[in-house]
N, C-alpha and C. Protein backbone atom coordinates (compact mmCIF):
# COMPACT_ATOMS: atom_id res chain seq x y z
N GLU A 1 0.82 -1.20 0.00
CA GLU A 1 0.00 0.00 0.00
C GLU A 1 0.86 1.26 0.00
N VAL A 2 1.93 1.22 0.79
CA VAL A 2 2.82 2.39 0.85
C VAL A 2 3.46 2.64 -0.50
N LEU A 3 3.94 1.56 -1.12
CA LEU A 3 4.60 1.72 -2.41
C LEU A 3 3.64 2.23 -3.48
N ASP A 4 2.38 1.82 -3.37
CA ASP A 4 1.40 2.26 -4.36
C ASP A 4 1.11 3.75 -4.28
N THR A 5 1.31 4.35 -3.10
CA THR A 5 0.97 5.77 -2.91
C THR A 5 2.21 6.64 -2.73
N THR A 6 3.39 6.07 -2.94
CA THR A 6 4.63 6.83 -2.73
C THR A 6 5.38 6.98 -4.04
N ARG A 7 5.83 8.19 -4.28
CA ARG A 7 6.66 8.42 -5.47
C ARG A 7 8.09 8.03 -5.14
N LEU A 8 8.58 7.00 -5.80
CA LEU A 8 9.90 6.47 -5.47
C LEU A 8 10.99 7.18 -6.26
N GLY A 9 12.12 7.39 -5.60
CA GLY A 9 13.27 8.00 -6.26
C GLY A 9 14.47 7.08 -6.15
N ARG A 10 15.64 7.60 -6.50
CA ARG A 10 16.84 6.76 -6.48
C ARG A 10 17.50 6.72 -5.13
N TYR A 11 17.16 7.66 -4.23
CA TYR A 11 17.91 7.80 -2.99
C TYR A 11 17.02 7.57 -1.77
N LEU A 12 17.65 7.10 -0.71
CA LEU A 12 16.98 6.91 0.56
C LEU A 12 17.39 8.04 1.49
N LEU A 13 16.44 8.80 2.00
CA LEU A 13 16.72 9.92 2.88
C LEU A 13 16.64 9.45 4.32
N LEU A 14 17.74 9.58 5.06
CA LEU A 14 17.76 9.22 6.47
C LEU A 14 17.68 10.49 7.31
N GLU A 15 16.86 10.46 8.36
CA GLU A 15 16.77 11.61 9.26
C GLU A 15 18.06 11.71 10.06
N VAL A 16 18.37 12.93 10.50
CA VAL A 16 19.62 13.15 11.23
C VAL A 16 19.70 12.24 12.45
N GLY A 17 18.60 12.13 13.19
CA GLY A 17 18.60 11.32 14.40
C GLY A 17 18.85 9.86 14.14
N GLU A 18 18.62 9.40 12.92
CA GLU A 18 18.79 7.99 12.62
C GLU A 18 20.24 7.63 12.27
N VAL A 19 21.06 8.62 11.96
CA VAL A 19 22.44 8.32 11.61
C VAL A 19 23.42 8.98 12.59
N LEU A 20 22.89 9.58 13.67
CA LEU A 20 23.76 10.22 14.65
C LEU A 20 24.45 9.14 15.47
N ASP A 21 25.71 8.91 15.19
CA ASP A 21 26.42 7.81 15.82
C ASP A 21 27.91 8.08 15.64
N THR A 22 28.74 7.17 16.11
CA THR A 22 30.18 7.29 15.87
C THR A 22 30.45 7.07 14.39
N ASP A 23 31.61 7.51 13.93
CA ASP A 23 31.99 7.29 12.54
C ASP A 23 31.93 5.81 12.19
N GLU A 24 32.36 4.98 13.14
CA GLU A 24 32.36 3.53 12.91
C GLU A 24 30.94 3.02 12.69
N GLY A 25 30.01 3.52 13.52
CA GLY A 25 28.62 3.10 13.39
C GLY A 25 28.01 3.53 12.08
N ILE A 26 28.36 4.75 11.63
CA ILE A 26 27.83 5.25 10.37
C ILE A 26 28.35 4.43 9.20
N HIS A 27 29.65 4.12 9.23
CA HIS A 27 30.23 3.30 8.15
C HIS A 27 29.59 1.91 8.12
N GLU A 28 29.32 1.36 9.32
CA GLU A 28 28.69 0.05 9.39
C GLU A 28 27.29 0.11 8.78
N LEU A 29 26.54 1.19 9.09
CA LEU A 29 25.21 1.36 8.53
C LEU A 29 25.27 1.44 7.01
N LEU A 30 26.18 2.28 6.50
CA LEU A 30 26.29 2.46 5.05
C LEU A 30 26.68 1.17 4.35
N SER A 31 27.50 0.37 5.03
CA SER A 31 27.96 -0.88 4.39
C SER A 31 26.82 -1.89 4.22
N THR A 32 25.74 -1.73 5.00
CA THR A 32 24.62 -2.68 4.89
C THR A 32 23.59 -2.25 3.85
N LEU A 33 23.66 -0.99 3.40
CA LEU A 33 22.60 -0.48 2.52
C LEU A 33 22.56 -1.20 1.17
N ALA A 34 23.71 -1.53 0.61
CA ALA A 34 23.73 -2.19 -0.70
C ALA A 34 23.05 -3.55 -0.62
N ASP A 35 23.36 -4.32 0.44
CA ASP A 35 22.73 -5.64 0.60
C ASP A 35 21.24 -5.49 0.86
N LEU A 36 20.87 -4.48 1.67
CA LEU A 36 19.45 -4.26 1.94
C LEU A 36 18.70 -3.86 0.68
N ASP A 37 19.33 -3.00 -0.14
CA ASP A 37 18.72 -2.58 -1.39
C ASP A 37 18.48 -3.79 -2.31
N ALA A 38 19.47 -4.67 -2.38
CA ALA A 38 19.34 -5.86 -3.22
C ALA A 38 18.23 -6.77 -2.69
N GLN A 39 18.14 -6.87 -1.36
CA GLN A 39 17.10 -7.71 -0.77
C GLN A 39 15.71 -7.14 -1.04
N VAL A 40 15.57 -5.81 -0.95
CA VAL A 40 14.30 -5.16 -1.25
C VAL A 40 13.92 -5.39 -2.71
N GLU A 41 14.89 -5.27 -3.61
CA GLU A 41 14.61 -5.50 -5.04
C GLU A 41 14.14 -6.93 -5.27
N ARG A 42 14.77 -7.89 -4.58
CA ARG A 42 14.35 -9.29 -4.72
C ARG A 42 12.94 -9.47 -4.16
N ALA A 43 12.65 -8.77 -3.06
CA ALA A 43 11.32 -8.88 -2.45
C ALA A 43 10.25 -8.33 -3.39
N LEU A 44 10.56 -7.20 -4.06
CA LEU A 44 9.62 -6.62 -5.01
C LEU A 44 9.39 -7.54 -6.21
N ALA A 45 10.40 -8.37 -6.50
CA ALA A 45 10.28 -9.32 -7.60
C ALA A 45 9.68 -10.65 -7.16
N GLY A 46 9.28 -10.72 -5.87
CA GLY A 46 8.64 -11.94 -5.37
C GLY A 46 9.58 -13.05 -5.00
N GLU A 47 10.85 -12.70 -4.69
CA GLU A 47 11.85 -13.74 -4.41
C GLU A 47 12.27 -13.80 -2.95
N GLU A 48 11.59 -13.06 -2.06
CA GLU A 48 12.00 -13.03 -0.65
C GLU A 48 10.80 -13.28 0.26
N GLU A 49 10.03 -14.32 -0.04
CA GLU A 49 8.80 -14.57 0.72
C GLU A 49 9.07 -14.83 2.20
N ALA A 50 10.14 -15.54 2.51
CA ALA A 50 10.44 -15.84 3.92
C ALA A 50 10.73 -14.55 4.69
N TRP A 51 11.49 -13.65 4.08
CA TRP A 51 11.81 -12.36 4.71
C TRP A 51 10.55 -11.52 4.87
N LEU A 52 9.72 -11.48 3.84
CA LEU A 52 8.47 -10.71 3.90
C LEU A 52 7.54 -11.27 4.98
N ASP A 53 7.48 -12.58 5.10
CA ASP A 53 6.65 -13.19 6.16
C ASP A 53 7.15 -12.77 7.54
N GLU A 54 8.47 -12.75 7.68
CA GLU A 54 9.05 -12.33 8.97
C GLU A 54 8.71 -10.87 9.27
N LEU A 55 8.79 -10.00 8.25
CA LEU A 55 8.46 -8.59 8.44
C LEU A 55 6.98 -8.41 8.79
N ARG A 56 6.11 -9.18 8.11
CA ARG A 56 4.68 -9.07 8.40
C ARG A 56 4.38 -9.44 9.85
N GLN A 57 5.07 -10.43 10.37
CA GLN A 57 4.80 -10.89 11.72
C GLN A 57 5.42 -9.98 12.79
N SER A 58 6.53 -9.32 12.47
CA SER A 58 7.24 -8.54 13.49
C SER A 58 7.03 -7.04 13.38
N TRP A 59 6.37 -6.57 12.31
CA TRP A 59 6.25 -5.13 12.06
C TRP A 59 5.65 -4.38 13.24
N GLN A 60 4.52 -4.84 13.77
CA GLN A 60 3.84 -4.13 14.84
C GLN A 60 4.64 -4.13 16.13
N ASP A 61 5.47 -5.14 16.35
CA ASP A 61 6.20 -5.24 17.60
C ASP A 61 7.60 -4.63 17.55
N THR A 62 8.13 -4.41 16.35
CA THR A 62 9.49 -3.89 16.26
C THR A 62 9.53 -2.47 15.71
N VAL A 63 9.06 -2.29 14.50
CA VAL A 63 9.16 -0.97 13.87
C VAL A 63 8.10 -0.01 14.38
N MET A 64 6.83 -0.42 14.40
CA MET A 64 5.75 0.50 14.68
C MET A 64 5.83 1.17 16.04
N PRO A 65 6.02 0.43 17.15
CA PRO A 65 6.02 1.12 18.44
C PRO A 65 7.09 2.20 18.52
N TRP A 66 8.30 1.91 17.99
CA TRP A 66 9.36 2.92 18.06
C TRP A 66 8.99 4.15 17.24
N TRP A 67 8.53 3.92 16.02
CA TRP A 67 8.20 5.04 15.14
C TRP A 67 7.06 5.87 15.70
N ALA A 68 5.98 5.20 16.07
CA ALA A 68 4.78 5.91 16.51
C ALA A 68 4.96 6.54 17.88
N ASN A 69 5.71 5.88 18.76
CA ASN A 69 5.77 6.33 20.14
C ASN A 69 6.87 7.32 20.43
N HIS A 70 7.88 7.41 19.58
CA HIS A 70 9.01 8.27 19.89
C HIS A 70 9.26 9.34 18.82
N LEU A 71 9.60 8.90 17.62
CA LEU A 71 9.99 9.87 16.60
C LEU A 71 8.87 10.87 16.31
N TYR A 72 7.63 10.38 16.28
CA TYR A 72 6.51 11.23 15.90
C TYR A 72 6.34 12.43 16.83
N TYR A 73 6.65 12.23 18.11
CA TYR A 73 6.36 13.27 19.09
C TYR A 73 7.54 14.19 19.38
N ASN A 74 8.68 13.97 18.73
CA ASN A 74 9.88 14.68 19.15
C ASN A 74 10.41 15.69 18.15
N PHE A 75 9.63 16.09 17.15
CA PHE A 75 10.14 17.06 16.19
C PHE A 75 10.21 18.46 16.80
N TYR A 76 9.13 18.89 17.40
CA TYR A 76 9.11 20.22 18.03
C TYR A 76 7.94 20.26 18.99
N GLU A 77 7.94 21.23 19.89
CA GLU A 77 6.82 21.40 20.79
C GLU A 77 6.27 22.80 20.63
N PRO A 78 5.02 22.94 20.23
CA PRO A 78 4.44 24.27 20.16
C PRO A 78 4.26 24.83 21.55
N THR A 79 4.03 26.11 21.65
CA THR A 79 3.87 26.73 22.96
C THR A 79 2.61 26.21 23.66
N ALA A 80 1.60 25.84 22.90
CA ALA A 80 0.38 25.31 23.49
C ALA A 80 -0.22 24.24 22.57
N TRP A 81 -0.48 23.07 23.14
CA TRP A 81 -1.12 22.00 22.39
C TRP A 81 -2.63 22.15 22.50
N SER A 82 -3.34 21.80 21.45
CA SER A 82 -4.79 21.80 21.51
C SER A 82 -5.28 20.38 21.74
N ARG A 83 -6.48 20.25 22.20
CA ARG A 83 -7.08 18.93 22.41
C ARG A 83 -7.15 18.16 21.10
N ASP A 84 -7.48 18.86 20.01
CA ASP A 84 -7.54 18.21 18.69
C ASP A 84 -6.19 17.64 18.29
N ASP A 85 -5.10 18.39 18.58
CA ASP A 85 -3.75 17.91 18.26
C ASP A 85 -3.48 16.58 18.94
N VAL A 86 -3.77 16.54 20.24
CA VAL A 86 -3.45 15.34 21.02
C VAL A 86 -4.36 14.18 20.60
N GLU A 87 -5.62 14.45 20.36
CA GLU A 87 -6.52 13.38 19.92
C GLU A 87 -6.09 12.80 18.58
N ALA A 88 -5.54 13.64 17.71
CA ALA A 88 -5.04 13.15 16.41
C ALA A 88 -3.87 12.19 16.63
N MET A 89 -3.05 12.46 17.65
CA MET A 89 -1.90 11.60 17.93
C MET A 89 -2.33 10.25 18.50
N LEU A 90 -3.55 10.17 19.00
CA LEU A 90 -4.03 8.92 19.57
C LEU A 90 -4.49 7.93 18.50
N LEU A 91 -4.75 8.42 17.29
CA LEU A 91 -5.35 7.57 16.26
C LEU A 91 -4.48 6.37 15.90
N GLY A 92 -3.17 6.58 15.79
CA GLY A 92 -2.28 5.46 15.47
C GLY A 92 -2.30 4.39 16.54
N HIS A 93 -2.36 4.82 17.80
CA HIS A 93 -2.43 3.86 18.90
C HIS A 93 -3.78 3.14 18.91
N ASP A 94 -4.85 3.86 18.52
CA ASP A 94 -6.16 3.21 18.41
C ASP A 94 -6.09 2.04 17.43
N ALA A 95 -5.50 2.29 16.27
CA ALA A 95 -5.43 1.25 15.24
C ALA A 95 -4.60 0.06 15.71
N GLN A 96 -3.50 0.32 16.38
CA GLN A 96 -2.64 -0.76 16.84
C GLN A 96 -3.34 -1.60 17.91
N MET A 97 -4.01 -0.92 18.84
CA MET A 97 -4.72 -1.66 19.88
C MET A 97 -5.88 -2.45 19.31
N SER A 98 -6.59 -1.87 18.33
CA SER A 98 -7.71 -2.58 17.70
C SER A 98 -7.23 -3.88 17.07
N ALA A 99 -6.07 -3.84 16.43
CA ALA A 99 -5.51 -5.04 15.83
C ALA A 99 -5.14 -6.07 16.88
N ARG A 100 -4.67 -5.62 18.03
CA ARG A 100 -4.24 -6.54 19.08
C ARG A 100 -5.42 -7.23 19.76
N VAL A 101 -6.46 -6.44 20.09
CA VAL A 101 -7.57 -7.01 20.87
C VAL A 101 -8.67 -7.61 19.98
N GLY A 102 -8.62 -7.32 18.67
CA GLY A 102 -9.57 -7.93 17.76
C GLY A 102 -10.91 -7.24 17.65
N HIS A 103 -11.00 -6.00 18.11
CA HIS A 103 -12.23 -5.22 17.97
C HIS A 103 -11.87 -3.74 18.07
N PRO A 104 -12.79 -2.83 17.70
CA PRO A 104 -12.46 -1.39 17.76
C PRO A 104 -12.04 -0.97 19.17
N PHE A 105 -10.96 -0.23 19.24
CA PHE A 105 -10.44 0.26 20.52
C PHE A 105 -10.16 1.75 20.39
N ARG A 106 -10.36 2.48 21.47
CA ARG A 106 -10.15 3.92 21.40
C ARG A 106 -9.44 4.43 22.66
N PHE A 107 -8.34 5.15 22.45
CA PHE A 107 -7.76 5.97 23.50
C PHE A 107 -8.50 7.31 23.46
N ARG A 108 -8.89 7.82 24.61
CA ARG A 108 -9.58 9.11 24.64
C ARG A 108 -9.09 9.93 25.82
N LEU A 109 -9.24 11.25 25.69
CA LEU A 109 -8.85 12.16 26.76
C LEU A 109 -10.02 12.35 27.71
N ALA A 110 -9.71 12.46 29.00
CA ALA A 110 -10.75 12.70 30.00
C ALA A 110 -11.45 14.03 29.71
N ALA A 111 -12.74 14.08 29.96
CA ALA A 111 -13.53 15.28 29.64
C ALA A 111 -13.08 16.49 30.44
N ASN A 112 -12.59 16.27 31.66
CA ASN A 112 -12.21 17.39 32.52
C ASN A 112 -10.74 17.80 32.37
N LEU A 113 -10.07 17.28 31.36
CA LEU A 113 -8.66 17.60 31.15
C LEU A 113 -8.52 19.05 30.70
N GLU A 114 -7.65 19.80 31.37
CA GLU A 114 -7.44 21.20 31.02
C GLU A 114 -6.28 21.33 30.04
N GLN A 115 -6.24 22.45 29.32
CA GLN A 115 -5.25 22.59 28.25
C GLN A 115 -3.83 22.48 28.76
N HIS A 116 -3.52 23.06 29.91
CA HIS A 116 -2.14 23.01 30.40
C HIS A 116 -1.72 21.59 30.79
N GLN A 117 -2.70 20.68 30.97
CA GLN A 117 -2.39 19.30 31.32
C GLN A 117 -2.08 18.44 30.10
N LEU A 118 -2.38 18.96 28.91
CA LEU A 118 -2.13 18.19 27.69
C LEU A 118 -0.64 17.88 27.53
N ARG A 119 0.21 18.79 27.97
CA ARG A 119 1.66 18.56 27.86
C ARG A 119 2.08 17.36 28.72
N VAL A 120 1.44 17.21 29.89
CA VAL A 120 1.73 16.06 30.75
C VAL A 120 1.34 14.76 30.04
N VAL A 121 0.17 14.78 29.38
CA VAL A 121 -0.29 13.60 28.65
C VAL A 121 0.68 13.26 27.52
N LEU A 122 1.11 14.27 26.78
CA LEU A 122 2.00 14.03 25.64
C LEU A 122 3.32 13.42 26.08
N ARG A 123 3.86 13.93 27.18
CA ARG A 123 5.14 13.39 27.64
C ARG A 123 5.01 11.96 28.12
N ALA A 124 3.85 11.61 28.63
CA ALA A 124 3.64 10.25 29.13
C ALA A 124 3.17 9.29 28.04
N LEU A 125 2.63 9.82 26.95
CA LEU A 125 1.93 8.99 25.97
C LEU A 125 2.75 7.83 25.39
N PRO A 126 4.00 8.01 24.99
CA PRO A 126 4.73 6.87 24.42
C PRO A 126 4.79 5.67 25.36
N LEU A 127 5.16 5.91 26.63
CA LEU A 127 5.27 4.81 27.59
C LEU A 127 3.90 4.30 28.02
N LEU A 128 2.94 5.22 28.16
CA LEU A 128 1.58 4.83 28.53
C LEU A 128 1.00 3.89 27.48
N ALA A 129 1.09 4.29 26.22
CA ALA A 129 0.54 3.46 25.14
C ALA A 129 1.26 2.12 25.07
N ARG A 130 2.58 2.14 25.26
CA ARG A 130 3.34 0.88 25.22
C ARG A 130 2.84 -0.09 26.29
N ASP A 131 2.66 0.41 27.52
CA ASP A 131 2.25 -0.47 28.62
C ASP A 131 0.82 -0.98 28.42
N VAL A 132 -0.06 -0.13 27.93
CA VAL A 132 -1.43 -0.58 27.68
C VAL A 132 -1.44 -1.61 26.55
N GLU A 133 -0.65 -1.36 25.50
CA GLU A 133 -0.60 -2.30 24.38
C GLU A 133 -0.05 -3.66 24.80
N GLN A 134 0.92 -3.66 25.70
CA GLN A 134 1.54 -4.92 26.12
C GLN A 134 0.68 -5.71 27.09
N THR A 135 -0.31 -5.06 27.69
CA THR A 135 -1.18 -5.77 28.63
C THR A 135 -2.60 -5.88 28.10
N ALA A 136 -2.77 -5.69 26.79
CA ALA A 136 -4.11 -5.66 26.19
C ALA A 136 -4.85 -6.98 26.38
N THR A 137 -6.12 -6.87 26.72
CA THR A 137 -7.00 -8.04 26.78
C THR A 137 -8.28 -7.71 26.02
N ALA A 138 -8.98 -8.73 25.58
CA ALA A 138 -10.12 -8.53 24.69
C ALA A 138 -11.30 -7.85 25.36
N HIS A 139 -11.38 -7.86 26.71
CA HIS A 139 -12.53 -7.23 27.36
C HIS A 139 -12.35 -5.73 27.59
N VAL A 140 -11.25 -5.16 27.07
CA VAL A 140 -11.03 -3.71 27.17
C VAL A 140 -11.35 -3.09 25.81
N TRP A 141 -12.20 -2.07 25.81
CA TRP A 141 -12.61 -1.42 24.57
C TRP A 141 -12.14 0.02 24.48
N ALA A 142 -11.70 0.59 25.60
CA ALA A 142 -11.27 1.99 25.59
C ALA A 142 -10.32 2.25 26.74
N CYS A 143 -9.51 3.29 26.58
CA CYS A 143 -8.62 3.75 27.64
C CYS A 143 -8.78 5.27 27.75
N GLU A 144 -9.25 5.73 28.90
CA GLU A 144 -9.42 7.16 29.12
C GLU A 144 -8.21 7.70 29.88
N ILE A 145 -7.60 8.75 29.33
CA ILE A 145 -6.36 9.29 29.89
C ILE A 145 -6.66 10.61 30.59
N GLY A 146 -6.28 10.70 31.84
CA GLY A 146 -6.46 11.92 32.62
C GLY A 146 -5.18 12.30 33.34
N VAL A 147 -5.23 13.37 34.09
CA VAL A 147 -4.08 13.85 34.88
C VAL A 147 -4.59 14.13 36.28
N HIS A 148 -3.80 13.76 37.30
CA HIS A 148 -4.18 14.06 38.68
C HIS A 148 -2.96 14.55 39.45
N ASP A 149 -3.17 14.95 40.69
CA ASP A 149 -2.10 15.54 41.49
C ASP A 149 -1.38 14.52 42.36
N GLY A 150 -1.82 13.28 42.35
CA GLY A 150 -1.18 12.27 43.18
C GLY A 150 0.22 11.94 42.72
N PRO A 151 1.03 11.33 43.59
CA PRO A 151 2.43 11.06 43.24
C PRO A 151 2.61 9.93 42.25
N ASN A 152 1.63 9.01 42.17
CA ASN A 152 1.78 7.83 41.32
C ASN A 152 0.72 7.78 40.23
N VAL A 153 0.96 6.94 39.25
CA VAL A 153 -0.04 6.69 38.22
C VAL A 153 -1.22 5.95 38.85
N ALA A 154 -2.44 6.42 38.58
CA ALA A 154 -3.64 5.77 39.11
C ALA A 154 -4.35 5.04 37.98
N VAL A 155 -4.77 3.80 38.25
CA VAL A 155 -5.41 2.97 37.23
C VAL A 155 -6.67 2.33 37.81
N ALA A 156 -7.74 2.35 37.02
CA ALA A 156 -8.98 1.67 37.41
C ALA A 156 -9.62 1.10 36.15
N PHE A 157 -10.45 0.07 36.35
CA PHE A 157 -11.16 -0.53 35.22
C PHE A 157 -12.62 -0.69 35.59
N ARG A 158 -13.49 -0.08 34.77
CA ARG A 158 -14.94 -0.19 34.99
C ARG A 158 -15.63 -0.47 33.67
N ASP A 159 -16.59 -1.39 33.71
CA ASP A 159 -17.29 -1.81 32.51
C ASP A 159 -16.27 -2.31 31.48
N THR A 160 -16.09 -1.57 30.40
CA THR A 160 -15.12 -1.99 29.38
C THR A 160 -14.02 -0.95 29.18
N THR A 161 -13.90 -0.01 30.13
CA THR A 161 -12.96 1.10 29.96
C THR A 161 -11.88 1.09 31.03
N LEU A 162 -10.64 1.26 30.59
CA LEU A 162 -9.50 1.40 31.48
C LEU A 162 -9.28 2.89 31.72
N TYR A 163 -9.26 3.31 32.98
CA TYR A 163 -9.06 4.71 33.34
C TYR A 163 -7.65 4.88 33.89
N VAL A 164 -6.88 5.75 33.24
CA VAL A 164 -5.50 5.96 33.63
C VAL A 164 -5.30 7.45 33.92
N ALA A 165 -4.78 7.77 35.11
CA ALA A 165 -4.49 9.16 35.47
C ALA A 165 -3.00 9.30 35.72
N VAL A 166 -2.38 10.21 35.00
CA VAL A 166 -0.93 10.43 35.08
C VAL A 166 -0.65 11.47 36.15
N GLY A 167 0.36 11.22 36.97
CA GLY A 167 0.76 12.17 38.00
C GLY A 167 1.71 13.21 37.45
N PRO A 168 2.05 14.22 38.26
CA PRO A 168 2.94 15.29 37.80
C PRO A 168 4.35 14.82 37.45
N ARG A 169 4.74 13.66 37.95
CA ARG A 169 6.07 13.13 37.64
C ARG A 169 6.11 12.39 36.31
N GLY A 170 4.97 12.30 35.65
CA GLY A 170 4.93 11.62 34.36
C GLY A 170 4.75 10.13 34.51
N TRP A 171 5.25 9.38 33.54
CA TRP A 171 5.05 7.93 33.48
C TRP A 171 6.36 7.22 33.77
N PRO A 172 6.50 6.62 34.96
CA PRO A 172 7.77 5.95 35.28
C PRO A 172 7.96 4.69 34.45
N ASN A 173 9.21 4.27 34.33
CA ASN A 173 9.53 3.07 33.54
C ASN A 173 9.00 1.80 34.20
N GLU A 174 8.91 1.79 35.52
CA GLU A 174 8.47 0.59 36.22
C GLU A 174 7.29 0.91 37.12
N GLY A 175 6.38 -0.03 37.25
CA GLY A 175 5.25 0.14 38.14
C GLY A 175 3.90 0.23 37.45
N PRO A 176 3.72 1.15 36.48
CA PRO A 176 2.40 1.30 35.88
C PRO A 176 1.86 0.04 35.19
N LYS A 177 2.74 -0.72 34.54
CA LYS A 177 2.26 -1.92 33.84
C LYS A 177 1.64 -2.91 34.82
N ARG A 178 2.27 -3.06 35.99
CA ARG A 178 1.72 -3.97 37.00
C ARG A 178 0.38 -3.45 37.51
N ARG A 179 0.25 -2.13 37.67
CA ARG A 179 -1.04 -1.57 38.12
C ARG A 179 -2.13 -1.81 37.08
N ILE A 180 -1.77 -1.69 35.80
CA ILE A 180 -2.75 -1.95 34.73
C ILE A 180 -3.20 -3.41 34.78
N MET A 181 -2.25 -4.32 34.94
CA MET A 181 -2.58 -5.74 34.99
C MET A 181 -3.46 -6.05 36.18
N GLU A 182 -3.16 -5.44 37.33
CA GLU A 182 -3.98 -5.67 38.52
C GLU A 182 -5.40 -5.15 38.31
N ALA A 183 -5.53 -3.97 37.69
CA ALA A 183 -6.85 -3.41 37.43
C ALA A 183 -7.65 -4.29 36.49
N LEU A 184 -6.98 -4.93 35.53
CA LEU A 184 -7.65 -5.78 34.55
C LEU A 184 -7.85 -7.21 35.05
N GLY A 185 -7.28 -7.51 36.22
CA GLY A 185 -7.40 -8.87 36.73
C GLY A 185 -6.50 -9.85 36.02
N VAL A 186 -5.41 -9.34 35.44
CA VAL A 186 -4.46 -10.19 34.73
C VAL A 186 -3.30 -10.50 35.66
N ALA A 187 -2.94 -11.77 35.80
CA ALA A 187 -1.85 -12.14 36.69
C ALA A 187 -0.52 -11.65 36.13
N PRO A 188 0.27 -10.93 36.94
CA PRO A 188 1.58 -10.48 36.46
C PRO A 188 2.52 -11.66 36.29
N PRO A 189 3.54 -11.51 35.45
CA PRO A 189 4.51 -12.61 35.29
C PRO A 189 5.25 -12.85 36.59
N PRO A 190 5.67 -14.08 36.84
CA PRO A 190 6.39 -14.37 38.10
C PRO A 190 7.70 -13.61 38.16
N SER A 191 8.03 -13.18 39.38
CA SER A 191 9.30 -12.47 39.58
C SER A 191 10.45 -13.45 39.52
N ARG A 192 11.59 -12.97 39.07
CA ARG A 192 12.77 -13.82 38.92
C ARG A 192 13.92 -13.17 39.69
N TYR A 193 14.48 -13.89 40.62
CA TYR A 193 15.59 -13.39 41.41
C TYR A 193 16.78 -14.34 41.27
N GLU A 194 17.94 -13.78 41.13
CA GLU A 194 19.13 -14.61 40.98
C GLU A 194 20.05 -14.44 42.18
N TYR A 195 20.42 -15.56 42.77
CA TYR A 195 21.34 -15.57 43.91
C TYR A 195 22.53 -16.43 43.53
N GLY A 196 23.63 -15.79 43.18
CA GLY A 196 24.79 -16.56 42.76
C GLY A 196 24.44 -17.39 41.56
N ARG A 197 24.49 -18.71 41.69
CA ARG A 197 24.16 -19.59 40.57
C ARG A 197 22.73 -20.11 40.62
N ALA A 198 22.02 -19.75 41.67
CA ALA A 198 20.65 -20.25 41.81
C ALA A 198 19.65 -19.19 41.35
N THR A 199 18.57 -19.62 40.73
CA THR A 199 17.51 -18.72 40.28
C THR A 199 16.20 -19.14 40.94
N VAL A 200 15.49 -18.18 41.51
CA VAL A 200 14.21 -18.44 42.18
C VAL A 200 13.10 -17.81 41.36
């Protein structure tokens, strides 16, 4: 679909952030482009079915979360975000969650969210969406995102909606996913502790 709607040229344009690395890393990247180009050409000619199958299966878990959750939100920050701006950014996550749970899913902003709180939501959104996506279950149809003054992320589940309230500290790397699982009644994975050579 992308190829059908894209005007193709001879060159591949890489964003600055994608090639910002040591000289050694850049040379290593450039050295792989010729092989990758040849592989893409073979795929377009129908000769790389195994590779295409692998890409189809891993696309949502490898490329999409990084692209949608990080690069999209980091180009610039306007002085004030509008509710429409933020709701537009939720659409990609809606589609990804719908594919995961097997029915229409919607991320939505809480009705009482004030404009100055939208920045808090935006900063938390990449990690918030990742944790919700990784704990998705079929009985969840929506996730309402709000902001509160408490120190921790607050999570509740009622009817078919997951309610998530982000604190002023944003979305920590650890903790929220377990709270989401507890709210959904999903058993968290067993903890793993290593003591010398023994694992518990």
